């Protein structure tokens, strides 16, 4: 199967975890877009969604799914999102779509995190995918030097020749050259650096279940 077909497969499989009458936490990215399309088939059975990005909000609303502000909702039963990498314990690297801060907020608001991904995202150790870190622009250069001291190389993400601006008005550093053997300790450390808004390691908000798209079908991993 192609990667696109695997994404469609796991997006549809995630419907199993959506409770009737609930408000669903919805992530961001190409795999999640497949889930949003599938969710539209049962939109009359749910109250709506809380979205982690402007892009997902627009897609949900275009399909007739009501979008609630996160501040309107106390708790979500489930959050469904993709990952750029997921390890064998359910820790993830996220933020390839630049929505990591809102993704982490909605994940923290949810009782369960269901990760949907194709088999290429399943890794033994995090760090092969460039680590996204959302930063306040005035701190970007200093934070890049801190990553260099750890053996990494950080560059500001650009779009159309200019630094990419997130939905929160900040910039993204993409960090290569790291092997994140202890995700929880790493997330805790980097989150404390002044100027870091969110680091794209999801260890405190790790996945409870991963629906992994393989050529044999959907493999369900429980952590």
N, C-alpha and C. Protein backbone atom coordinates (compact mmCIF):
# COMPACT_ATOMS: atom_id res chain seq x y z
N UNK A 1 0.84 -1.20 0.00
CA UNK A 1 0.00 0.00 0.00
C UNK A 1 0.87 1.25 0.00
N UNK A 2 0.37 2.31 -0.62
CA UNK A 2 1.10 3.58 -0.59
C UNK A 2 0.96 4.22 0.79
N UNK A 3 1.83 5.20 1.05
CA UNK A 3 1.75 5.90 2.33
C UNK A 3 0.40 6.59 2.49
N UNK A 4 -0.13 7.14 1.40
CA UNK A 4 -1.43 7.81 1.46
C UNK A 4 -2.53 6.82 1.82
N UNK A 5 -2.46 5.61 1.27
CA UNK A 5 -3.45 4.57 1.57
C UNK A 5 -3.36 4.12 3.03
N UNK A 6 -2.14 4.06 3.56
CA UNK A 6 -1.96 3.69 4.97
C UNK A 6 -2.55 4.77 5.88
N UNK A 7 -2.37 6.03 5.50
CA UNK A 7 -2.94 7.13 6.29
C UNK A 7 -4.46 7.06 6.29
N UNK A 8 -5.05 6.75 5.15
CA UNK A 8 -6.51 6.62 5.07
C UNK A 8 -6.98 5.48 5.96
N UNK A 9 -6.24 4.39 5.96
CA UNK A 9 -6.60 3.21 6.75
C UNK A 9 -6.65 3.53 8.24
N UNK A 10 -5.61 4.18 8.76
CA UNK A 10 -5.58 4.46 10.20
C UNK A 10 -6.55 5.58 10.56
N UNK A 11 -6.76 6.51 9.64
CA UNK A 11 -7.73 7.57 9.89
C UNK A 11 -9.13 7.02 10.09
N UNK A 12 -9.48 6.04 9.27
CA UNK A 12 -10.80 5.40 9.40
C UNK A 12 -10.87 4.52 10.65
N UNK A 13 -9.76 3.85 10.97
CA UNK A 13 -9.73 2.96 12.15
C UNK A 13 -9.92 3.74 13.44
N UNK A 14 -9.51 5.00 13.45
CA UNK A 14 -9.61 5.82 14.66
C UNK A 14 -11.05 6.11 15.06
N UNK A 15 -11.99 5.96 14.15
CA UNK A 15 -13.40 6.19 14.47
C UNK A 15 -13.87 5.27 15.60
N UNK A 16 -13.23 4.11 15.74
CA UNK A 16 -13.61 3.16 16.78
C UNK A 16 -13.50 3.79 18.18
N UNK A 17 -12.60 4.75 18.33
CA UNK A 17 -12.33 5.35 19.65
C UNK A 17 -13.17 6.60 19.92
N UNK A 18 -14.01 6.99 18.97
CA UNK A 18 -14.85 8.18 19.12
C UNK A 18 -16.17 7.76 19.78
N UNK A 19 -16.47 8.38 20.91
CA UNK A 19 -17.68 8.04 21.65
C UNK A 19 -18.87 8.87 21.14
N UNK A 20 -20.02 8.23 21.00
CA UNK A 20 -21.23 8.94 20.62
C UNK A 20 -21.52 10.05 21.63
N UNK A 21 -21.90 11.21 21.12
CA UNK A 21 -22.26 12.34 21.99
C UNK A 21 -21.09 13.11 22.55
N UNK A 22 -19.88 12.76 22.14
CA UNK A 22 -18.69 13.39 22.72
C UNK A 22 -18.19 14.56 21.89
N UNK A 23 -17.26 15.31 22.50
CA UNK A 23 -16.47 16.31 21.79
C UNK A 23 -15.09 15.71 21.60
N UNK A 24 -14.62 15.66 20.38
CA UNK A 24 -13.40 14.95 20.03
C UNK A 24 -12.23 15.91 19.89
N UNK A 25 -11.10 15.57 20.51
CA UNK A 25 -9.88 16.34 20.29
C UNK A 25 -9.26 15.93 18.97
N UNK A 26 -8.97 16.90 18.12
CA UNK A 26 -8.48 16.62 16.77
C UNK A 26 -7.15 17.33 16.54
N UNK A 27 -6.17 16.57 16.07
CA UNK A 27 -4.83 17.11 15.83
C UNK A 27 -4.69 17.78 14.48
N UNK A 28 -3.47 17.70 13.94
CA UNK A 28 -3.13 18.43 12.72
C UNK A 28 -2.22 17.58 11.85
N UNK A 29 -2.37 17.72 10.54
CA UNK A 29 -1.45 17.05 9.62
C UNK A 29 -2.16 16.22 8.59
N UNK A 30 -1.37 15.64 7.68
CA UNK A 30 -1.94 14.91 6.56
C UNK A 30 -2.67 13.65 6.99
N UNK A 31 -2.16 12.96 8.01
CA UNK A 31 -2.84 11.76 8.49
C UNK A 31 -4.14 12.13 9.20
N UNK A 32 -4.09 13.20 9.99
CA UNK A 32 -5.29 13.67 10.69
C UNK A 32 -6.34 14.13 9.69
N UNK A 33 -5.93 14.69 8.57
CA UNK A 33 -6.90 15.10 7.56
C UNK A 33 -7.74 13.90 7.10
N UNK A 34 -7.11 12.72 7.03
CA UNK A 34 -7.85 11.50 6.68
C UNK A 34 -8.86 11.16 7.77
N UNK A 35 -8.45 11.37 9.03
CA UNK A 35 -9.37 11.11 10.14
C UNK A 35 -10.54 12.10 10.10
N UNK A 36 -10.25 13.37 9.83
CA UNK A 36 -11.32 14.38 9.77
C UNK A 36 -12.34 14.00 8.69
N UNK A 37 -11.84 13.56 7.54
CA UNK A 37 -12.74 13.14 6.46
C UNK A 37 -13.62 11.97 6.92
N UNK A 38 -13.00 11.03 7.66
CA UNK A 38 -13.77 9.89 8.17
C UNK A 38 -14.76 10.34 9.24
N UNK A 39 -14.35 11.29 10.09
CA UNK A 39 -15.21 11.78 11.16
C UNK A 39 -16.48 12.42 10.62
N UNK A 40 -16.38 13.00 9.43
CA UNK A 40 -17.55 13.64 8.83
C UNK A 40 -18.68 12.65 8.57
N UNK A 41 -18.34 11.36 8.45
CA UNK A 41 -19.37 10.35 8.20
C UNK A 41 -20.22 10.07 9.44
N UNK A 42 -19.75 10.52 10.62
CA UNK A 42 -20.52 10.31 11.85
C UNK A 42 -20.72 11.63 12.60
N UNK A 43 -20.70 12.73 11.87
CA UNK A 43 -20.79 14.04 12.51
C UNK A 43 -22.10 14.26 13.27
N UNK A 44 -23.15 13.57 12.86
CA UNK A 44 -24.44 13.72 13.54
C UNK A 44 -24.49 12.96 14.86
N UNK A 45 -23.46 12.16 15.13
CA UNK A 45 -23.42 11.37 16.36
C UNK A 45 -22.51 11.97 17.43
N UNK A 46 -21.83 13.08 17.11
CA UNK A 46 -20.95 13.74 18.08
C UNK A 46 -21.39 15.19 18.26
N UNK A 47 -20.95 15.79 19.37
CA UNK A 47 -21.24 17.21 19.58
C UNK A 47 -20.38 18.09 18.69
N UNK A 48 -19.13 17.66 18.49
CA UNK A 48 -18.21 18.45 17.69
C UNK A 48 -16.78 18.12 18.07
N UNK A 49 -15.90 19.09 17.87
CA UNK A 49 -14.47 18.85 18.07
C UNK A 49 -13.79 20.05 18.70
N UNK A 50 -12.66 19.78 19.35
CA UNK A 50 -11.70 20.82 19.73
C UNK A 50 -10.49 20.61 18.84
N UNK A 51 -10.06 21.64 18.17
CA UNK A 51 -9.02 21.54 17.15
C UNK A 51 -7.69 22.11 17.64
N UNK A 52 -6.60 21.53 17.14
CA UNK A 52 -5.27 21.99 17.55
C UNK A 52 -4.64 23.00 16.59
N UNK A 53 -5.34 23.37 15.52
CA UNK A 53 -4.76 24.33 14.57
C UNK A 53 -5.84 25.01 13.75
N UNK A 54 -5.48 26.14 13.20
CA UNK A 54 -6.40 26.84 12.31
C UNK A 54 -6.73 25.99 11.08
N UNK A 55 -5.72 25.27 10.57
CA UNK A 55 -5.93 24.45 9.37
C UNK A 55 -6.96 23.35 9.63
N UNK A 56 -6.84 22.67 10.77
CA UNK A 56 -7.80 21.61 11.09
C UNK A 56 -9.18 22.18 11.36
N UNK A 57 -9.21 23.35 12.02
CA UNK A 57 -10.50 24.01 12.27
C UNK A 57 -11.23 24.28 10.97
N UNK A 58 -10.52 24.81 10.00
CA UNK A 58 -11.13 25.12 8.71
C UNK A 58 -11.65 23.86 8.02
N UNK A 59 -10.89 22.78 8.11
CA UNK A 59 -11.31 21.53 7.46
C UNK A 59 -12.54 20.96 8.16
N UNK A 60 -12.53 20.97 9.48
CA UNK A 60 -13.67 20.47 10.25
C UNK A 60 -14.94 21.27 9.93
N UNK A 61 -14.83 22.58 9.94
CA UNK A 61 -16.00 23.42 9.70
C UNK A 61 -16.51 23.27 8.27
N UNK A 62 -15.60 23.10 7.32
CA UNK A 62 -16.01 22.91 5.93
C UNK A 62 -16.82 21.64 5.74
N UNK A 63 -16.58 20.66 6.63
CA UNK A 63 -17.31 19.39 6.55
C UNK A 63 -18.54 19.37 7.46
N UNK A 64 -18.84 20.53 8.08
CA UNK A 64 -20.04 20.64 8.88
C UNK A 64 -19.90 20.16 10.31
N UNK A 65 -18.67 20.08 10.81
CA UNK A 65 -18.42 19.64 12.18
C UNK A 65 -18.20 20.87 13.05
N UNK A 66 -18.96 21.00 14.12
CA UNK A 66 -18.84 22.16 15.01
C UNK A 66 -17.51 22.11 15.74
N UNK A 67 -16.83 23.27 15.83
CA UNK A 67 -15.55 23.36 16.53
C UNK A 67 -15.72 24.22 17.78
N UNK A 68 -15.39 23.63 18.92
CA UNK A 68 -15.44 24.33 20.20
C UNK A 68 -14.07 24.91 20.54
N UNK A 69 -14.07 26.04 21.22
CA UNK A 69 -12.82 26.56 21.77
C UNK A 69 -12.40 25.66 22.93
N UNK A 70 -11.11 25.41 23.06
CA UNK A 70 -10.63 24.54 24.14
C UNK A 70 -11.06 25.06 25.51
N UNK A 71 -11.14 26.38 25.65
CA UNK A 71 -11.51 26.97 26.94
C UNK A 71 -12.97 26.72 27.31
N UNK A 72 -13.78 26.28 26.33
CA UNK A 72 -15.20 25.99 26.60
C UNK A 72 -15.41 24.59 27.16
N UNK A 73 -14.38 23.76 27.10
CA UNK A 73 -14.53 22.33 27.41
C UNK A 73 -13.61 21.97 28.57
N UNK A 74 -14.16 21.27 29.57
CA UNK A 74 -13.34 20.88 30.73
C UNK A 74 -12.40 19.74 30.40
N UNK A 75 -12.93 18.70 29.80
CA UNK A 75 -12.13 17.50 29.52
C UNK A 75 -12.64 16.82 28.27
N UNK A 76 -11.72 16.24 27.51
CA UNK A 76 -12.06 15.47 26.32
C UNK A 76 -11.80 14.00 26.58
N UNK A 77 -12.67 13.15 26.06
CA UNK A 77 -12.48 11.71 26.26
C UNK A 77 -11.27 11.21 25.47
N UNK A 78 -11.09 11.77 24.28
CA UNK A 78 -10.04 11.25 23.41
C UNK A 78 -9.46 12.36 22.54
N UNK A 79 -8.15 12.25 22.27
CA UNK A 79 -7.46 13.14 21.35
C UNK A 79 -6.83 12.26 20.28
N UNK A 80 -7.08 12.58 19.04
CA UNK A 80 -6.58 11.78 17.93
C UNK A 80 -5.67 12.64 17.06
N UNK A 81 -4.42 12.19 16.93
CA UNK A 81 -3.43 12.99 16.21
C UNK A 81 -2.36 12.06 15.65
N UNK A 82 -1.60 12.57 14.72
CA UNK A 82 -0.49 11.83 14.14
C UNK A 82 0.80 12.08 14.90
N UNK A 83 1.90 11.62 14.33
CA UNK A 83 3.22 11.83 14.92
C UNK A 83 4.26 11.81 13.82
N UNK A 84 5.33 12.55 14.02
CA UNK A 84 6.46 12.49 13.09
C UNK A 84 7.34 11.29 13.42
N UNK A 85 7.38 10.94 14.72
CA UNK A 85 8.02 9.72 15.18
C UNK A 85 7.28 9.23 16.43
N UNK A 86 7.24 7.92 16.62
CA UNK A 86 6.73 7.34 17.86
C UNK A 86 7.62 6.16 18.22
N UNK A 87 8.05 6.11 19.50
CA UNK A 87 8.94 5.03 19.90
C UNK A 87 8.15 3.87 20.50
N UNK A 88 8.86 2.87 20.98
CA UNK A 88 8.21 1.63 21.42
C UNK A 88 7.53 1.77 22.77
N UNK A 89 7.65 2.95 23.39
CA UNK A 89 6.96 3.21 24.66
C UNK A 89 5.81 4.21 24.50
N UNK A 90 5.60 4.70 23.27
CA UNK A 90 4.52 5.67 23.02
C UNK A 90 4.94 7.11 23.10
N UNK A 91 6.24 7.38 23.35
CA UNK A 91 6.75 8.76 23.30
C UNK A 91 6.84 9.20 21.84
N UNK A 92 6.61 10.47 21.60
CA UNK A 92 6.55 10.95 20.21
C UNK A 92 7.36 12.21 19.99
N UNK A 93 7.74 12.43 18.75
CA UNK A 93 8.18 13.73 18.25
C UNK A 93 7.07 14.24 17.36
N UNK A 94 6.63 15.48 17.63
CA UNK A 94 5.56 16.09 16.86
C UNK A 94 5.91 17.55 16.57
N UNK A 95 5.26 18.11 15.57
CA UNK A 95 5.46 19.51 15.24
C UNK A 95 5.92 19.76 13.82
N UNK A 96 5.94 18.69 13.00
CA UNK A 96 6.29 18.89 11.59
C UNK A 96 5.34 19.83 10.89
N UNK A 97 4.10 19.90 11.39
CA UNK A 97 3.11 20.83 10.84
C UNK A 97 3.03 22.14 11.58
N UNK A 98 3.96 22.37 12.51
CA UNK A 98 4.11 23.64 13.26
C UNK A 98 2.99 23.90 14.26
N UNK A 99 2.22 22.86 14.62
CA UNK A 99 1.09 23.06 15.54
C UNK A 99 1.34 22.43 16.91
N UNK A 100 2.62 22.19 17.25
CA UNK A 100 2.93 21.40 18.45
C UNK A 100 2.41 21.99 19.74
N UNK A 101 2.38 23.31 19.88
CA UNK A 101 1.93 23.90 21.15
C UNK A 101 0.46 23.61 21.40
N UNK A 102 -0.37 23.89 20.42
CA UNK A 102 -1.80 23.63 20.60
C UNK A 102 -2.08 22.13 20.65
N UNK A 103 -1.28 21.34 19.94
CA UNK A 103 -1.44 19.89 20.03
C UNK A 103 -1.17 19.40 21.45
N UNK A 104 -0.14 19.93 22.08
CA UNK A 104 0.19 19.49 23.44
C UNK A 104 -0.88 19.95 24.43
N UNK A 105 -1.43 21.12 24.20
CA UNK A 105 -2.50 21.63 25.07
C UNK A 105 -3.73 20.74 25.00
N UNK A 106 -4.15 20.39 23.78
CA UNK A 106 -5.35 19.57 23.63
C UNK A 106 -5.08 18.14 24.12
N UNK A 107 -3.87 17.65 23.91
CA UNK A 107 -3.52 16.32 24.41
C UNK A 107 -3.61 16.29 25.93
N UNK A 108 -3.16 17.36 26.59
CA UNK A 108 -3.20 17.42 28.05
C UNK A 108 -4.63 17.51 28.58
N UNK A 109 -5.53 17.95 27.73
CA UNK A 109 -6.94 18.12 28.10
C UNK A 109 -7.73 16.82 27.92
N UNK A 110 -7.08 15.81 27.38
CA UNK A 110 -7.77 14.58 26.99
C UNK A 110 -7.37 13.40 27.87
N UNK A 111 -8.33 12.51 28.10
CA UNK A 111 -8.05 11.33 28.92
C UNK A 111 -7.19 10.31 28.18
N UNK A 112 -7.37 10.22 26.86
CA UNK A 112 -6.60 9.25 26.08
C UNK A 112 -6.08 9.89 24.81
N UNK A 113 -4.85 9.55 24.45
CA UNK A 113 -4.22 10.01 23.20
C UNK A 113 -4.13 8.81 22.28
N UNK A 114 -4.82 8.89 21.14
CA UNK A 114 -4.75 7.85 20.12
C UNK A 114 -3.89 8.39 18.98
N UNK A 115 -2.73 7.80 18.81
CA UNK A 115 -1.83 8.22 17.73
C UNK A 115 -2.14 7.42 16.48
N UNK A 116 -2.25 8.09 15.34
CA UNK A 116 -2.46 7.41 14.06
C UNK A 116 -1.25 7.71 13.18
N UNK A 117 -0.63 6.66 12.68
CA UNK A 117 0.62 6.84 11.93
C UNK A 117 0.84 5.68 10.98
N UNK A 118 1.65 5.91 9.97
CA UNK A 118 2.06 4.81 9.11
C UNK A 118 3.35 4.20 9.67
N UNK A 119 3.69 3.03 9.23
CA UNK A 119 4.78 2.24 9.82
C UNK A 119 6.14 2.95 9.78
N UNK A 120 6.32 3.90 8.86
CA UNK A 120 7.61 4.60 8.75
C UNK A 120 7.88 5.47 9.97
N UNK A 121 6.85 5.79 10.76
CA UNK A 121 7.02 6.68 11.91
C UNK A 121 7.42 5.94 13.19
N UNK A 122 7.39 4.61 13.14
CA UNK A 122 7.65 3.79 14.34
C UNK A 122 9.15 3.53 14.45
N UNK A 123 9.79 4.03 15.51
CA UNK A 123 11.25 4.01 15.62
C UNK A 123 11.67 3.49 16.99
N UNK A 124 12.91 3.02 17.07
CA UNK A 124 13.45 2.54 18.34
C UNK A 124 13.84 3.71 19.24
N UNK A 125 14.42 4.76 18.65
CA UNK A 125 14.87 5.92 19.41
C UNK A 125 14.46 7.19 18.68
N UNK A 126 13.90 8.16 19.40
CA UNK A 126 13.51 9.43 18.80
C UNK A 126 14.74 10.25 18.40
N UNK A 127 14.59 11.06 17.36
CA UNK A 127 15.65 11.98 16.97
C UNK A 127 16.03 11.93 15.51
N UNK A 128 15.58 10.91 14.80
CA UNK A 128 15.87 10.86 13.36
C UNK A 128 15.15 11.96 12.60
N UNK A 129 13.92 12.26 13.00
CA UNK A 129 13.17 13.38 12.42
C UNK A 129 13.62 14.66 13.11
N UNK A 130 13.85 15.74 12.36
CA UNK A 130 14.25 17.00 13.00
C UNK A 130 13.26 17.41 14.09
N UNK A 131 13.78 17.69 15.28
CA UNK A 131 12.93 18.01 16.43
C UNK A 131 12.42 19.45 16.33
N UNK A 132 11.09 19.65 16.25
CA UNK A 132 10.55 21.01 16.23
C UNK A 132 10.48 21.58 17.66
N UNK A 133 10.87 22.84 17.77
CA UNK A 133 10.78 23.54 19.05
C UNK A 133 10.21 24.93 18.77
N UNK A 134 9.05 25.23 19.34
CA UNK A 134 8.46 26.56 19.16
C UNK A 134 9.10 27.52 20.15
N UNK A 135 9.60 28.65 19.63
CA UNK A 135 10.36 29.57 20.48
C UNK A 135 9.89 31.01 20.27
N UNK A 136 10.10 31.82 21.30
CA UNK A 136 9.91 33.26 21.15
C UNK A 136 11.08 33.78 20.32
N UNK A 137 10.84 34.51 19.24
CA UNK A 137 11.90 34.86 18.30
C UNK A 137 13.15 35.48 18.93
N UNK A 138 12.99 36.34 19.93
CA UNK A 138 14.16 37.01 20.50
C UNK A 138 15.11 36.03 21.19
N UNK A 139 14.62 34.82 21.50
CA UNK A 139 15.45 33.83 22.19
C UNK A 139 16.01 32.77 21.24
N UNK A 140 15.64 32.82 19.98
CA UNK A 140 15.97 31.72 19.06
C UNK A 140 17.47 31.47 18.95
N UNK A 141 18.26 32.53 18.85
CA UNK A 141 19.70 32.34 18.65
C UNK A 141 20.35 31.69 19.87
N UNK A 142 19.96 32.13 21.05
CA UNK A 142 20.54 31.56 22.26
C UNK A 142 20.12 30.10 22.43
N UNK A 143 18.84 29.80 22.16
CA UNK A 143 18.36 28.42 22.28
C UNK A 143 19.08 27.52 21.28
N UNK A 144 19.33 28.03 20.09
CA UNK A 144 20.09 27.26 19.09
C UNK A 144 21.47 26.91 19.62
N UNK A 145 22.12 27.84 20.33
CA UNK A 145 23.44 27.56 20.90
C UNK A 145 23.35 26.50 22.00
N UNK A 146 22.25 26.50 22.76
CA UNK A 146 22.08 25.48 23.79
C UNK A 146 21.95 24.09 23.18
N UNK A 147 21.25 24.00 22.05
CA UNK A 147 21.16 22.71 21.37
C UNK A 147 22.52 22.30 20.79
N UNK A 148 23.27 23.28 20.30
CA UNK A 148 24.61 22.97 19.78
C UNK A 148 25.49 22.38 20.87
N UNK A 149 25.34 22.87 22.10
CA UNK A 149 26.11 22.35 23.23
C UNK A 149 25.74 20.89 23.54
N UNK A 150 24.55 20.47 23.10
CA UNK A 150 24.10 19.09 23.30
C UNK A 150 24.47 18.21 22.11
N UNK A 151 25.09 18.79 21.09
CA UNK A 151 25.46 18.03 19.90
C UNK A 151 24.49 18.15 18.75
N UNK A 152 23.50 19.04 18.87
CA UNK A 152 22.51 19.23 17.83
C UNK A 152 22.80 20.44 16.96
N UNK A 153 22.08 20.55 15.87
CA UNK A 153 22.17 21.72 14.98
C UNK A 153 20.76 22.25 14.77
N UNK A 154 20.53 23.51 15.14
CA UNK A 154 19.19 24.09 15.09
C UNK A 154 19.11 25.17 14.02
N UNK A 155 18.06 25.12 13.22
CA UNK A 155 17.83 26.14 12.21
C UNK A 155 16.40 26.64 12.31
N UNK A 156 16.20 27.91 12.02
CA UNK A 156 14.86 28.49 12.03
C UNK A 156 14.11 28.00 10.79
N UNK A 157 12.91 27.50 11.00
CA UNK A 157 12.09 27.03 9.86
C UNK A 157 11.58 28.21 9.06
N UNK A 158 11.67 28.10 7.75
CA UNK A 158 11.22 29.17 6.85
C UNK A 158 10.04 28.70 5.99
N UNK A 159 9.27 29.66 5.55
CA UNK A 159 8.18 29.43 4.61
C UNK A 159 8.11 30.63 3.67
N UNK A 160 8.16 30.36 2.40
CA UNK A 160 8.13 31.42 1.38
C UNK A 160 9.25 32.45 1.60
N UNK A 161 10.40 31.95 2.00
CA UNK A 161 11.58 32.81 2.14
C UNK A 161 11.65 33.60 3.43
N UNK A 162 10.66 33.43 4.31
CA UNK A 162 10.63 34.14 5.59
C UNK A 162 10.48 33.14 6.73
N UNK A 163 10.93 33.53 7.94
CA UNK A 163 10.71 32.63 9.07
C UNK A 163 9.23 32.30 9.22
N UNK A 164 8.92 31.02 9.33
CA UNK A 164 7.54 30.60 9.52
C UNK A 164 7.00 31.17 10.82
N UNK A 165 5.78 31.67 10.77
CA UNK A 165 5.12 32.18 11.98
C UNK A 165 4.00 31.22 12.34
N UNK A 166 4.02 30.71 13.55
CA UNK A 166 3.02 29.74 14.00
C UNK A 166 1.67 30.41 14.24
N UNK A 167 0.66 29.59 14.51
CA UNK A 167 -0.67 30.13 14.87
C UNK A 167 -0.59 30.99 16.13
N UNK A 168 0.48 30.81 16.91
CA UNK A 168 0.66 31.56 18.15
C UNK A 168 1.57 32.77 17.99
N UNK A 169 2.01 33.04 16.74
CA UNK A 169 2.84 34.20 16.47
C UNK A 169 4.32 34.00 16.79
N UNK A 170 4.77 32.76 16.89
CA UNK A 170 6.15 32.47 17.25
C UNK A 170 6.89 31.79 16.09
N UNK A 171 8.17 31.46 16.32
CA UNK A 171 8.98 30.79 15.31
C UNK A 171 9.24 29.34 15.73
N UNK A 172 9.72 28.55 14.75
CA UNK A 172 10.05 27.14 14.99
C UNK A 172 11.54 26.93 14.72
N UNK A 173 12.23 26.30 15.66
CA UNK A 173 13.57 25.77 15.42
C UNK A 173 13.43 24.29 15.10
N UNK A 174 14.11 23.83 14.06
CA UNK A 174 14.19 22.40 13.77
C UNK A 174 15.60 21.94 14.12
N UNK A 175 15.67 20.93 14.98
CA UNK A 175 16.96 20.50 15.54
C UNK A 175 17.30 19.10 15.05
N UNK A 176 18.45 18.98 14.42
CA UNK A 176 18.93 17.68 13.93
C UNK A 176 20.14 17.23 14.75
N UNK A 177 20.47 15.96 14.60
CA UNK A 177 21.68 15.44 15.22
C UNK A 177 21.52 14.95 16.64
N UNK A 178 20.29 14.86 17.14
CA UNK A 178 20.06 14.41 18.51
C UNK A 178 19.54 12.97 18.52
N UNK A 179 19.92 12.23 19.54
CA UNK A 179 19.32 10.93 19.84
C UNK A 179 18.68 11.07 21.21
N UNK A 180 17.36 10.98 21.27
CA UNK A 180 16.63 11.27 22.50
C UNK A 180 16.31 9.95 23.20
N UNK A 181 17.28 9.48 23.98
CA UNK A 181 17.16 8.17 24.62
C UNK A 181 16.26 8.22 25.85
N UNK A 182 16.16 9.39 26.48
CA UNK A 182 15.32 9.56 27.67
C UNK A 182 14.34 10.71 27.43
N UNK A 183 13.25 10.43 26.72
CA UNK A 183 12.33 11.50 26.29
C UNK A 183 11.75 12.32 27.43
N UNK A 184 11.39 11.68 28.53
CA UNK A 184 10.77 12.42 29.64
C UNK A 184 11.74 13.42 30.24
N UNK A 185 12.96 13.00 30.49
CA UNK A 185 13.97 13.91 31.05
C UNK A 185 14.32 15.01 30.06
N UNK A 186 14.40 14.66 28.78
CA UNK A 186 14.73 15.65 27.75
C UNK A 186 13.64 16.71 27.65
N UNK A 187 12.38 16.27 27.61
CA UNK A 187 11.27 17.23 27.53
C UNK A 187 11.26 18.16 28.74
N UNK A 188 11.48 17.59 29.91
CA UNK A 188 11.49 18.39 31.13
C UNK A 188 12.59 19.43 31.11
N UNK A 189 13.78 19.05 30.66
CA UNK A 189 14.92 19.97 30.62
C UNK A 189 14.69 21.12 29.65
N UNK A 190 14.38 20.79 28.40
CA UNK A 190 14.28 21.83 27.36
C UNK A 190 13.09 22.75 27.62
N UNK A 191 12.03 22.23 28.20
CA UNK A 191 10.85 23.06 28.49
C UNK A 191 11.16 24.17 29.48
N UNK A 192 12.22 24.02 30.24
CA UNK A 192 12.58 25.03 31.24
C UNK A 192 13.47 26.15 30.69
N UNK A 193 13.97 25.97 29.47
CA UNK A 193 14.84 27.01 28.91
C UNK A 193 14.02 28.28 28.63
N UNK A 194 14.46 29.43 29.09
CA UNK A 194 13.74 30.67 28.82
C UNK A 194 13.60 30.91 27.31
N UNK A 195 12.38 31.19 26.90
CA UNK A 195 12.12 31.45 25.49
C UNK A 195 11.55 30.26 24.74
N UNK A 196 11.64 29.06 25.33
CA UNK A 196 11.00 27.88 24.72
C UNK A 196 9.52 27.91 25.05
N UNK A 197 8.70 27.92 24.02
CA UNK A 197 7.25 27.85 24.21
C UNK A 197 6.85 26.39 24.38
N UNK A 198 7.27 25.54 23.45
CA UNK A 198 6.97 24.11 23.51
C UNK A 198 8.05 23.34 22.77
N UNK A 199 8.52 22.26 23.38
CA UNK A 199 9.42 21.34 22.69
C UNK A 199 8.59 20.19 22.14
N UNK A 200 8.94 19.75 20.94
CA UNK A 200 8.12 18.77 20.24
C UNK A 200 8.28 17.34 20.68
N UNK A 201 8.86 17.10 21.85
CA UNK A 201 8.85 15.76 22.44
C UNK A 201 7.58 15.62 23.28
N UNK A 202 6.80 14.60 22.99
CA UNK A 202 5.57 14.33 23.74
C UNK A 202 5.82 13.07 24.58
N UNK A 203 6.35 13.28 25.78
CA UNK A 203 6.58 12.19 26.73
C UNK A 203 5.62 12.30 27.91
N UNK A 204 5.40 13.53 28.39
CA UNK A 204 4.40 13.74 29.44
C UNK A 204 2.99 13.51 28.89
N UNK A 205 2.78 13.85 27.62
CA UNK A 205 1.51 13.60 26.93
C UNK A 205 1.73 12.54 25.86
N UNK A 206 2.24 11.40 26.24
CA UNK A 206 2.54 10.36 25.25
C UNK A 206 1.26 9.64 24.82
N UNK A 207 1.39 8.83 23.79
CA UNK A 207 0.24 8.09 23.27
C UNK A 207 -0.13 6.94 24.21
N UNK A 208 -1.43 6.70 24.35
CA UNK A 208 -1.92 5.52 25.05
C UNK A 208 -2.08 4.35 24.08
N UNK A 209 -2.45 4.69 22.85
CA UNK A 209 -2.65 3.69 21.79
C UNK A 209 -2.07 4.26 20.50
N UNK A 210 -1.45 3.40 19.71
CA UNK A 210 -1.03 3.82 18.37
C UNK A 210 -1.66 2.87 17.36
N UNK A 211 -2.36 3.45 16.39
CA UNK A 211 -2.89 2.70 15.26
C UNK A 211 -1.88 2.85 14.13
N UNK A 212 -1.15 1.77 13.87
CA UNK A 212 -0.03 1.82 12.94
C UNK A 212 -0.43 1.18 11.62
N UNK A 213 -0.34 1.93 10.56
CA UNK A 213 -0.69 1.42 9.24
C UNK A 213 0.44 0.60 8.65
N UNK A 214 0.17 -0.66 8.35
CA UNK A 214 1.16 -1.54 7.74
C UNK A 214 0.56 -2.18 6.49
N UNK A 215 1.39 -2.83 5.72
CA UNK A 215 0.89 -3.49 4.50
C UNK A 215 -0.09 -4.61 4.82
N UNK A 216 -0.04 -5.11 6.05
CA UNK A 216 -0.95 -6.18 6.48
C UNK A 216 -2.24 -5.63 7.09
N UNK A 217 -2.32 -4.31 7.24
CA UNK A 217 -3.50 -3.70 7.86
C UNK A 217 -3.10 -2.82 9.02
N UNK A 218 -4.05 -2.54 9.89
CA UNK A 218 -3.81 -1.68 11.04
C UNK A 218 -3.35 -2.51 12.23
N UNK A 219 -2.16 -2.19 12.74
CA UNK A 219 -1.64 -2.83 13.94
C UNK A 219 -1.92 -1.92 15.13
N UNK A 220 -2.53 -2.44 16.17
CA UNK A 220 -2.87 -1.66 17.36
C UNK A 220 -1.81 -1.89 18.43
N UNK A 221 -1.12 -0.83 18.80
CA UNK A 221 -0.10 -0.88 19.84
C UNK A 221 -0.65 -0.17 21.08
N UNK A 222 -0.59 -0.84 22.21
CA UNK A 222 -1.08 -0.25 23.46
C UNK A 222 0.10 -0.05 24.40
N UNK A 223 0.21 1.16 24.96
CA UNK A 223 1.37 1.49 25.81
C UNK A 223 0.94 1.62 27.28
